[in-house]
Amino acid sequence: MYALIDFAGKQFRIEEGGSIKVPYIGGKVGNKVIIDKILYLDDGKTITVGTPLVTGIKIDGEITSHGKGKKVVVFKFKRRKGYQKKNTHRQEYSILKVGKFGKVKKDPSEKVATKIAETKTAPKKETAAKKKPAAKKPVKKETLNKVSVQKTVATKATPAKPKETNE
């Protein structure tokens, strides 16, 4: 039994009882984490593919440790300019131990909320929905030509006077 999850903007393949290395989670060692963004689930008998997420399933996890990755050198330079900048960085991470895959219990209040939402989103009249956007007014060519002519006249330089020579 395994699943593909979306955690902290990255995708991971997890199995029950396994552990994964994820970007740093602000929490103490031993804290519980609930993973609810499941993209794909395979339990050996059935395969469930989310559209985009699988609903009704959650995965429990526990933070087992924190650490820092290998040092990465960040070197910036601009050729032929004499500019060089060297920096280093160590990315922090957390290790999660994956618990059991469980089903989410639906509250009776959620069923009522969905019924209310369905009644509020009833289709409206089509005449109001099919409103055409306002047409753009065409710009007169005469005004454009006058403006462009005035600019070209103003930008032309006056001819230079020839230099007088004393001979």
N, C-alpha and C. Protein backbone atom coordinates (compact mmCIF):
# COMPACT_ATOMS: atom_id res chain seq x y z
N MET A 1 0.85 -1.17 0.00
CA MET A 1 0.00 0.00 0.00
C MET A 1 0.89 1.23 0.00
N TYR A 2 0.68 2.09 -1.00
CA TYR A 2 1.46 3.32 -1.07
C TYR A 2 0.59 4.44 -1.63
N ALA A 3 1.12 5.65 -1.49
CA ALA A 3 0.38 6.83 -1.96
C ALA A 3 1.36 7.88 -2.44
N LEU A 4 0.88 8.73 -3.33
CA LEU A 4 1.62 9.91 -3.75
C LEU A 4 0.97 11.11 -3.09
N ILE A 5 1.77 11.92 -2.43
CA ILE A 5 1.22 13.07 -1.70
C ILE A 5 1.88 14.36 -2.16
N ASP A 6 1.21 15.45 -1.87
CA ASP A 6 1.74 16.78 -2.10
C ASP A 6 1.98 17.39 -0.73
N PHE A 7 3.25 17.63 -0.40
CA PHE A 7 3.59 18.15 0.92
C PHE A 7 4.59 19.28 0.74
N ALA A 8 4.25 20.46 1.21
CA ALA A 8 5.11 21.65 1.14
C ALA A 8 5.51 21.96 -0.29
N GLY A 9 4.57 21.76 -1.24
CA GLY A 9 4.83 22.10 -2.63
C GLY A 9 5.63 21.08 -3.39
N LYS A 10 5.93 19.93 -2.78
CA LYS A 10 6.69 18.87 -3.44
C LYS A 10 5.91 17.58 -3.36
N GLN A 11 6.19 16.66 -4.26
CA GLN A 11 5.48 15.39 -4.28
C GLN A 11 6.38 14.27 -3.76
N PHE A 12 5.78 13.39 -2.95
CA PHE A 12 6.51 12.28 -2.35
C PHE A 12 5.72 10.99 -2.50
N ARG A 13 6.44 9.86 -2.63
CA ARG A 13 5.81 8.54 -2.63
C ARG A 13 6.04 7.98 -1.24
N ILE A 14 4.96 7.62 -0.56
CA ILE A 14 5.08 7.14 0.81
C ILE A 14 4.41 5.79 0.97
N GLU A 15 4.87 5.06 1.97
CA GLU A 15 4.29 3.77 2.34
C GLU A 15 4.02 3.78 3.83
N GLU A 16 3.09 2.95 4.28
CA GLU A 16 2.80 2.88 5.71
C GLU A 16 4.03 2.39 6.45
N GLY A 17 4.37 3.08 7.53
CA GLY A 17 5.51 2.69 8.35
C GLY A 17 6.84 3.23 7.84
N GLY A 18 6.88 3.82 6.66
CA GLY A 18 8.12 4.36 6.12
C GLY A 18 8.40 5.75 6.64
N SER A 19 9.49 6.33 6.19
CA SER A 19 9.82 7.70 6.57
C SER A 19 10.24 8.48 5.33
N ILE A 20 10.02 9.78 5.38
CA ILE A 20 10.39 10.64 4.27
C ILE A 20 11.10 11.89 4.78
N LYS A 21 11.96 12.42 3.93
CA LYS A 21 12.70 13.64 4.25
C LYS A 21 12.01 14.79 3.52
N VAL A 22 11.47 15.73 4.29
CA VAL A 22 10.69 16.85 3.74
C VAL A 22 11.34 18.16 4.15
N PRO A 23 11.01 19.27 3.47
CA PRO A 23 11.50 20.58 3.92
C PRO A 23 11.10 20.83 5.37
N TYR A 24 11.86 21.67 6.04
CA TYR A 24 11.71 21.90 7.48
C TYR A 24 10.28 22.26 7.86
N ILE A 25 9.78 21.58 8.89
CA ILE A 25 8.47 21.85 9.46
C ILE A 25 8.70 22.45 10.84
N GLY A 26 8.10 23.59 11.09
CA GLY A 26 8.25 24.21 12.40
C GLY A 26 7.44 23.45 13.44
N GLY A 27 8.09 22.61 14.18
CA GLY A 27 7.43 21.83 15.21
C GLY A 27 8.47 21.03 15.97
N LYS A 28 8.09 20.57 17.16
CA LYS A 28 9.01 19.80 17.97
C LYS A 28 9.01 18.34 17.53
N VAL A 29 10.08 17.65 17.89
CA VAL A 29 10.18 16.22 17.59
C VAL A 29 9.08 15.51 18.38
N GLY A 30 8.33 14.67 17.71
CA GLY A 30 7.24 13.95 18.34
C GLY A 30 5.86 14.53 18.03
N ASN A 31 5.82 15.72 17.45
CA ASN A 31 4.53 16.31 17.07
C ASN A 31 3.89 15.52 15.94
N LYS A 32 2.58 15.51 15.93
CA LYS A 32 1.82 14.82 14.90
C LYS A 32 1.58 15.75 13.72
N VAL A 33 1.56 15.16 12.52
CA VAL A 33 1.31 15.89 11.29
C VAL A 33 0.24 15.13 10.52
N ILE A 34 -0.75 15.85 10.00
CA ILE A 34 -1.79 15.21 9.20
C ILE A 34 -1.58 15.61 7.74
N ILE A 35 -1.50 14.62 6.88
CA ILE A 35 -1.33 14.84 5.45
C ILE A 35 -2.67 14.57 4.78
N ASP A 36 -3.23 15.61 4.15
CA ASP A 36 -4.54 15.43 3.53
C ASP A 36 -4.53 15.70 2.03
N LYS A 37 -3.39 16.11 1.47
CA LYS A 37 -3.29 16.33 0.03
C LYS A 37 -2.73 15.07 -0.63
N ILE A 38 -3.62 14.14 -0.94
CA ILE A 38 -3.23 12.87 -1.52
C ILE A 38 -3.61 12.89 -3.00
N LEU A 39 -2.61 12.63 -3.86
CA LEU A 39 -2.82 12.68 -5.30
C LEU A 39 -3.19 11.32 -5.88
N TYR A 40 -2.68 10.24 -5.26
CA TYR A 40 -2.84 8.90 -5.81
C TYR A 40 -2.75 7.91 -4.66
N LEU A 41 -3.58 6.88 -4.70
CA LEU A 41 -3.57 5.89 -3.63
C LEU A 41 -3.72 4.50 -4.24
N ASP A 42 -2.82 3.59 -3.84
CA ASP A 42 -2.88 2.21 -4.29
C ASP A 42 -2.83 1.33 -3.05
N ASP A 43 -3.96 0.61 -2.77
CA ASP A 43 -4.00 -0.23 -1.58
C ASP A 43 -3.84 -1.71 -1.92
N GLY A 44 -3.38 -2.03 -3.10
CA GLY A 44 -3.17 -3.42 -3.49
C GLY A 44 -4.37 -3.99 -4.23
N LYS A 45 -5.56 -3.58 -3.90
CA LYS A 45 -6.78 -4.07 -4.56
C LYS A 45 -7.32 -3.05 -5.54
N THR A 46 -7.37 -1.80 -5.09
CA THR A 46 -7.91 -0.75 -5.94
C THR A 46 -6.91 0.40 -6.05
N ILE A 47 -7.02 1.08 -7.16
CA ILE A 47 -6.19 2.27 -7.40
C ILE A 47 -7.13 3.46 -7.46
N THR A 48 -6.79 4.50 -6.69
CA THR A 48 -7.60 5.71 -6.67
C THR A 48 -6.74 6.88 -7.14
N VAL A 49 -7.19 7.52 -8.20
CA VAL A 49 -6.48 8.69 -8.73
C VAL A 49 -7.33 9.91 -8.43
N GLY A 50 -6.72 10.92 -7.84
CA GLY A 50 -7.45 12.13 -7.48
C GLY A 50 -7.67 13.04 -8.67
N THR A 51 -8.70 13.87 -8.55
CA THR A 51 -8.98 14.86 -9.59
C THR A 51 -9.13 16.24 -8.98
N PRO A 52 -8.18 16.96 -8.54
CA PRO A 52 -6.76 16.64 -8.45
C PRO A 52 -6.39 15.91 -7.17
N LEU A 53 -7.26 15.90 -6.15
CA LEU A 53 -6.93 15.25 -4.89
C LEU A 53 -7.92 14.14 -4.59
N VAL A 54 -7.45 13.13 -3.85
CA VAL A 54 -8.32 12.05 -3.38
C VAL A 54 -8.99 12.55 -2.12
N THR A 55 -10.32 12.46 -2.08
CA THR A 55 -11.04 12.96 -0.91
C THR A 55 -11.41 11.79 0.00
N GLY A 56 -11.60 12.10 1.26
CA GLY A 56 -12.05 11.10 2.22
C GLY A 56 -10.94 10.28 2.84
N ILE A 57 -9.69 10.61 2.58
CA ILE A 57 -8.56 9.85 3.15
C ILE A 57 -7.56 10.84 3.73
N LYS A 58 -6.99 10.45 4.88
CA LYS A 58 -5.93 11.25 5.49
C LYS A 58 -4.83 10.30 5.93
N ILE A 59 -3.64 10.85 6.08
CA ILE A 59 -2.49 10.06 6.49
C ILE A 59 -1.87 10.76 7.70
N ASP A 60 -1.62 9.97 8.74
CA ASP A 60 -1.01 10.51 9.94
C ASP A 60 0.50 10.37 9.83
N GLY A 61 1.20 11.34 10.39
CA GLY A 61 2.64 11.30 10.42
C GLY A 61 3.16 11.87 11.72
N GLU A 62 4.44 11.64 11.98
CA GLU A 62 5.07 12.13 13.21
C GLU A 62 6.46 12.63 12.88
N ILE A 63 6.83 13.78 13.43
CA ILE A 63 8.15 14.33 13.21
C ILE A 63 9.14 13.53 14.07
N THR A 64 10.12 12.90 13.42
CA THR A 64 11.10 12.11 14.18
C THR A 64 12.40 12.86 14.43
N SER A 65 12.80 13.73 13.49
CA SER A 65 14.03 14.50 13.70
C SER A 65 14.10 15.69 12.75
N HIS A 66 15.04 16.58 13.05
CA HIS A 66 15.34 17.73 12.20
C HIS A 66 16.82 17.68 11.88
N GLY A 67 17.22 18.33 10.81
CA GLY A 67 18.63 18.36 10.47
C GLY A 67 18.91 19.39 9.39
N LYS A 68 20.19 19.41 8.98
CA LYS A 68 20.62 20.30 7.90
C LYS A 68 21.28 19.45 6.82
N GLY A 69 21.05 19.81 5.57
CA GLY A 69 21.62 19.08 4.45
C GLY A 69 23.08 19.44 4.23
N LYS A 70 23.65 18.92 3.13
CA LYS A 70 25.03 19.21 2.79
C LYS A 70 25.18 20.68 2.42
N LYS A 71 26.38 21.18 2.58
CA LYS A 71 26.66 22.57 2.28
C LYS A 71 26.69 22.76 0.76
N VAL A 72 25.99 23.79 0.32
CA VAL A 72 25.94 24.13 -1.10
C VAL A 72 26.65 25.46 -1.29
N VAL A 73 27.58 25.50 -2.24
CA VAL A 73 28.32 26.72 -2.52
C VAL A 73 27.56 27.52 -3.58
N VAL A 74 27.33 28.78 -3.27
CA VAL A 74 26.68 29.69 -4.21
C VAL A 74 27.74 30.69 -4.64
N PHE A 75 28.14 30.62 -5.91
CA PHE A 75 29.21 31.48 -6.41
C PHE A 75 28.67 32.32 -7.56
N LYS A 76 28.71 33.64 -7.37
CA LYS A 76 28.24 34.56 -8.40
C LYS A 76 29.45 35.31 -8.95
N PHE A 77 29.46 35.53 -10.25
CA PHE A 77 30.51 36.34 -10.84
C PHE A 77 30.04 36.92 -12.16
N LYS A 78 30.72 37.99 -12.56
CA LYS A 78 30.48 38.59 -13.86
C LYS A 78 31.83 38.62 -14.56
N ARG A 79 31.87 38.00 -15.71
CA ARG A 79 33.16 37.88 -16.39
C ARG A 79 33.66 39.23 -16.86
N ARG A 80 34.96 39.36 -16.82
CA ARG A 80 35.69 40.55 -17.27
C ARG A 80 35.34 41.81 -16.47
N LYS A 81 34.71 41.68 -15.33
CA LYS A 81 34.33 42.85 -14.54
C LYS A 81 35.00 42.86 -13.16
N GLY A 82 35.56 41.74 -12.76
CA GLY A 82 36.21 41.67 -11.45
C GLY A 82 35.24 41.45 -10.31
N TYR A 83 34.00 41.09 -10.62
CA TYR A 83 32.98 40.88 -9.58
C TYR A 83 32.89 39.40 -9.26
N GLN A 84 33.13 39.07 -7.98
CA GLN A 84 32.97 37.69 -7.50
C GLN A 84 32.35 37.72 -6.12
N LYS A 85 31.38 36.82 -5.89
CA LYS A 85 30.72 36.75 -4.59
C LYS A 85 30.53 35.27 -4.27
N LYS A 86 31.09 34.82 -3.16
CA LYS A 86 30.97 33.43 -2.75
C LYS A 86 30.15 33.37 -1.47
N ASN A 87 29.17 32.46 -1.46
CA ASN A 87 28.33 32.29 -0.29
C ASN A 87 28.02 30.81 -0.16
N THR A 88 27.62 30.38 1.02
CA THR A 88 27.25 28.98 1.22
C THR A 88 25.90 28.91 1.92
N HIS A 89 25.30 27.73 1.82
CA HIS A 89 23.96 27.57 2.36
C HIS A 89 23.74 26.11 2.74
N ARG A 90 23.06 25.88 3.87
CA ARG A 90 22.67 24.52 4.28
C ARG A 90 21.16 24.51 4.49
N GLN A 91 20.46 23.72 3.69
CA GLN A 91 19.00 23.65 3.75
C GLN A 91 18.57 22.79 4.93
N GLU A 92 17.62 23.29 5.71
CA GLU A 92 17.09 22.52 6.84
C GLU A 92 16.01 21.56 6.35
N TYR A 93 15.90 20.42 7.03
CA TYR A 93 14.88 19.44 6.68
C TYR A 93 14.33 18.79 7.94
N SER A 94 13.22 18.09 7.76
CA SER A 94 12.61 17.30 8.83
C SER A 94 12.38 15.90 8.30
N ILE A 95 12.43 14.92 9.18
CA ILE A 95 12.13 13.55 8.79
C ILE A 95 10.80 13.16 9.43
N LEU A 96 9.87 12.71 8.58
CA LEU A 96 8.55 12.29 9.03
C LEU A 96 8.44 10.78 8.98
N LYS A 97 7.86 10.21 10.02
CA LYS A 97 7.53 8.80 10.00
C LYS A 97 6.05 8.70 9.64
N VAL A 98 5.76 7.94 8.59
CA VAL A 98 4.40 7.84 8.08
C VAL A 98 3.64 6.81 8.89
N GLY A 99 2.44 7.18 9.32
CA GLY A 99 1.58 6.28 10.08
C GLY A 99 0.63 5.54 9.16
N LYS A 100 -0.53 5.25 9.67
CA LYS A 100 -1.52 4.49 8.90
C LYS A 100 -2.36 5.43 8.04
N PHE A 101 -2.82 4.85 6.92
CA PHE A 101 -3.75 5.56 6.06
C PHE A 101 -5.13 5.38 6.65
N GLY A 102 -5.85 6.47 6.83
CA GLY A 102 -7.18 6.37 7.44
C GLY A 102 -8.22 7.12 6.64
N LYS A 103 -9.46 6.77 6.89
CA LYS A 103 -10.56 7.46 6.23
C LYS A 103 -11.03 8.60 7.11
N VAL A 104 -11.43 9.67 6.47
CA VAL A 104 -11.93 10.84 7.19
C VAL A 104 -13.40 10.61 7.48
N LYS A 105 -13.78 10.82 8.75
CA LYS A 105 -15.18 10.68 9.13
C LYS A 105 -15.91 11.95 8.73
N LYS A 106 -17.03 11.78 8.04
CA LYS A 106 -17.81 12.93 7.63
C LYS A 106 -18.78 13.31 8.74
N ASP A 107 -18.79 14.58 9.06
CA ASP A 107 -19.72 15.10 10.06
C ASP A 107 -21.09 15.31 9.42
N PRO A 108 -22.16 15.13 10.19
CA PRO A 108 -23.48 15.41 9.63
C PRO A 108 -23.63 16.88 9.24
N SER A 109 -22.90 17.77 9.91
CA SER A 109 -22.98 19.19 9.58
C SER A 109 -22.42 19.46 8.19
N GLU A 110 -21.42 18.66 7.74
CA GLU A 110 -20.85 18.83 6.40
C GLU A 110 -21.89 18.51 5.34
N LYS A 111 -22.71 17.48 5.56
CA LYS A 111 -23.74 17.12 4.59
C LYS A 111 -24.74 18.26 4.45
N VAL A 112 -25.11 18.87 5.56
CA VAL A 112 -26.04 19.98 5.53
C VAL A 112 -25.42 21.16 4.80
N ALA A 113 -24.12 21.42 5.05
CA ALA A 113 -23.44 22.54 4.41
C ALA A 113 -23.40 22.33 2.90
N THR A 114 -23.16 21.11 2.44
CA THR A 114 -23.10 20.88 1.00
C THR A 114 -24.48 21.05 0.37
N LYS A 115 -25.53 20.63 1.06
CA LYS A 115 -26.88 20.81 0.52
C LYS A 115 -27.22 22.28 0.42
N ILE A 116 -26.82 23.07 1.42
CA ILE A 116 -27.08 24.50 1.40
C ILE A 116 -26.30 25.15 0.25
N ALA A 117 -25.05 24.73 0.06
CA ALA A 117 -24.23 25.29 -1.01
C ALA A 117 -24.82 24.95 -2.37
N GLU A 118 -25.37 23.74 -2.52
CA GLU A 118 -25.97 23.36 -3.80
C GLU A 118 -27.21 24.19 -4.10
N THR A 119 -28.00 24.49 -3.09
CA THR A 119 -29.19 25.29 -3.33
C THR A 119 -28.84 26.74 -3.65
N LYS A 120 -27.77 27.25 -3.07
CA LYS A 120 -27.39 28.64 -3.32
C LYS A 120 -26.77 28.80 -4.70
N THR A 121 -26.16 27.76 -5.24
CA THR A 121 -25.50 27.86 -6.54
C THR A 121 -26.40 27.35 -7.65
N ALA A 122 -27.68 27.59 -7.55
CA ALA A 122 -28.61 27.19 -8.60
C ALA A 122 -28.34 28.02 -9.85
N PRO A 123 -28.54 27.43 -11.03
CA PRO A 123 -28.26 28.20 -12.26
C PRO A 123 -29.17 29.40 -12.40
N LYS A 124 -28.61 30.51 -12.81
CA LYS A 124 -29.37 31.75 -12.98
C LYS A 124 -29.86 31.85 -14.41
N LYS A 125 -30.61 32.87 -14.70
CA LYS A 125 -31.13 33.07 -16.04
C LYS A 125 -29.98 33.24 -17.02
N GLU A 126 -30.18 32.69 -18.21
CA GLU A 126 -29.13 32.73 -19.22
C GLU A 126 -28.97 34.12 -19.82
N THR A 127 -30.01 34.93 -19.82
CA THR A 127 -29.92 36.25 -20.44
C THR A 127 -28.92 37.14 -19.72
N ALA A 128 -28.86 37.03 -18.41
CA ALA A 128 -27.91 37.84 -17.65
C ALA A 128 -26.50 37.31 -17.82
N ALA A 129 -26.33 36.01 -18.00
CA ALA A 129 -25.01 35.42 -18.11
C ALA A 129 -24.38 35.67 -19.48
N LYS A 130 -25.19 35.85 -20.52
CA LYS A 130 -24.67 36.01 -21.87
C LYS A 130 -24.57 37.48 -22.27
N LYS A 131 -24.07 38.30 -21.42
CA LYS A 131 -23.94 39.71 -21.70
C LYS A 131 -22.67 39.92 -22.52
N LYS A 132 -22.78 40.65 -23.61
CA LYS A 132 -21.64 40.89 -24.48
C LYS A 132 -20.80 42.03 -23.92
N PRO A 133 -19.47 41.94 -24.07
CA PRO A 133 -18.62 43.04 -23.61
C PRO A 133 -18.81 44.25 -24.51
N ALA A 134 -18.58 45.43 -23.96
CA ALA A 134 -18.74 46.67 -24.70
C ALA A 134 -17.70 46.75 -25.81
N ALA A 135 -18.10 47.22 -26.97
CA ALA A 135 -17.19 47.33 -28.10
C ALA A 135 -16.28 48.54 -27.90
N LYS A 136 -15.05 48.42 -28.37
CA LYS A 136 -14.10 49.51 -28.25
C LYS A 136 -14.37 50.53 -29.35
N LYS A 137 -14.23 51.81 -29.00
CA LYS A 137 -14.45 52.86 -29.98
C LYS A 137 -13.21 52.99 -30.86
N PRO A 138 -13.41 53.11 -32.17
CA PRO A 138 -12.24 53.25 -33.05
C PRO A 138 -11.62 54.63 -32.90
N VAL A 139 -10.32 54.70 -33.01
CA VAL A 139 -9.60 55.96 -32.89
C VAL A 139 -9.52 56.58 -34.28
N LYS A 140 -9.78 57.88 -34.36
CA LYS A 140 -9.73 58.57 -35.65
C LYS A 140 -8.30 58.66 -36.14
N LYS A 141 -8.11 58.37 -37.43
CA LYS A 141 -6.77 58.40 -38.01
C LYS A 141 -6.25 59.82 -38.13
N GLU A 142 -7.15 60.78 -38.35
CA GLU A 142 -6.74 62.16 -38.53
C GLU A 142 -6.03 62.70 -37.30
N THR A 143 -6.56 62.38 -36.11
CA THR A 143 -5.93 62.89 -34.89
C THR A 143 -4.57 62.26 -34.68
N LEU A 144 -4.42 60.98 -35.05
CA LEU A 144 -3.12 60.35 -34.90
C LEU A 144 -2.10 60.99 -35.82
N ASN A 145 -2.49 61.29 -37.07
CA ASN A 145 -1.55 61.88 -38.02
C ASN A 145 -1.11 63.27 -37.56
N LYS A 146 -2.03 64.08 -37.05
CA LYS A 146 -1.68 65.42 -36.59
C LYS A 146 -0.68 65.36 -35.45
N VAL A 147 -0.91 64.47 -34.51
CA VAL A 147 -0.02 64.35 -33.35
C VAL A 147 1.35 63.88 -33.80
N SER A 148 1.41 62.88 -34.67
CA SER A 148 2.71 62.36 -35.09
C SER A 148 3.47 63.38 -35.93
N VAL A 149 2.76 64.16 -36.74
CA VAL A 149 3.42 65.20 -37.54
C VAL A 149 4.00 66.27 -36.64
N GLN A 150 3.24 66.68 -35.63
CA GLN A 150 3.73 67.70 -34.71
C GLN A 150 4.98 67.22 -33.99
N LYS A 151 4.99 65.95 -33.59
CA LYS A 151 6.16 65.43 -32.87
C LYS A 151 7.37 65.37 -33.79
N THR A 152 7.18 64.94 -35.04
CA THR A 152 8.32 64.83 -35.94
C THR A 152 8.89 66.20 -36.27
N VAL A 153 8.03 67.21 -36.39
CA VAL A 153 8.50 68.56 -36.66
C VAL A 153 9.29 69.08 -35.47
N ALA A 154 8.82 68.81 -34.28
CA ALA A 154 9.48 69.31 -33.08
C ALA A 154 10.81 68.60 -32.85
N THR A 155 10.94 67.36 -33.26
CA THR A 155 12.16 66.61 -32.97
C THR A 155 13.25 66.83 -34.02
N LYS A 156 12.88 67.35 -35.21
CA LYS A 156 13.91 67.59 -36.23
C LYS A 156 14.84 68.71 -35.76
N ALA A 157 16.10 68.50 -35.98
CA ALA A 157 17.08 69.49 -35.57
C ALA A 157 17.24 70.54 -36.67
N THR A 158 17.59 71.74 -36.26
CA THR A 158 17.83 72.81 -37.24
C THR A 158 19.19 72.56 -37.87
N PRO A 159 19.34 72.88 -39.14
CA PRO A 159 20.64 72.63 -39.77
C PRO A 159 21.72 73.54 -39.16
N ALA A 160 22.90 72.99 -39.05
CA ALA A 160 23.99 73.74 -38.47
C ALA A 160 24.53 74.76 -39.47
N LYS A 161 24.94 75.92 -38.97
CA LYS A 161 25.49 76.97 -39.83
C LYS A 161 26.93 76.62 -40.17
N PRO A 162 27.33 76.90 -41.38
CA PRO A 162 28.73 76.60 -41.71
C PRO A 162 29.67 77.54 -40.96
N LYS A 163 30.81 77.02 -40.61
CA LYS A 163 31.79 77.83 -39.87
C LYS A 163 32.46 78.84 -40.80
N GLU A 164 32.66 80.00 -40.26
CA GLU A 164 33.34 81.03 -41.06
C GLU A 164 34.83 80.89 -40.85
N THR A 165 35.53 80.98 -41.92
CA THR A 165 36.98 80.86 -41.83
C THR A 165 37.62 82.20 -42.18
N ASN A 166 38.67 82.53 -41.52
CA ASN A 166 39.38 83.79 -41.80
C ASN A 166 40.54 83.49 -42.71
N GLU A 167 40.41 83.82 -43.95
CA GLU A 167 41.50 83.58 -44.90
C GLU A 167 42.01 84.82 -45.49
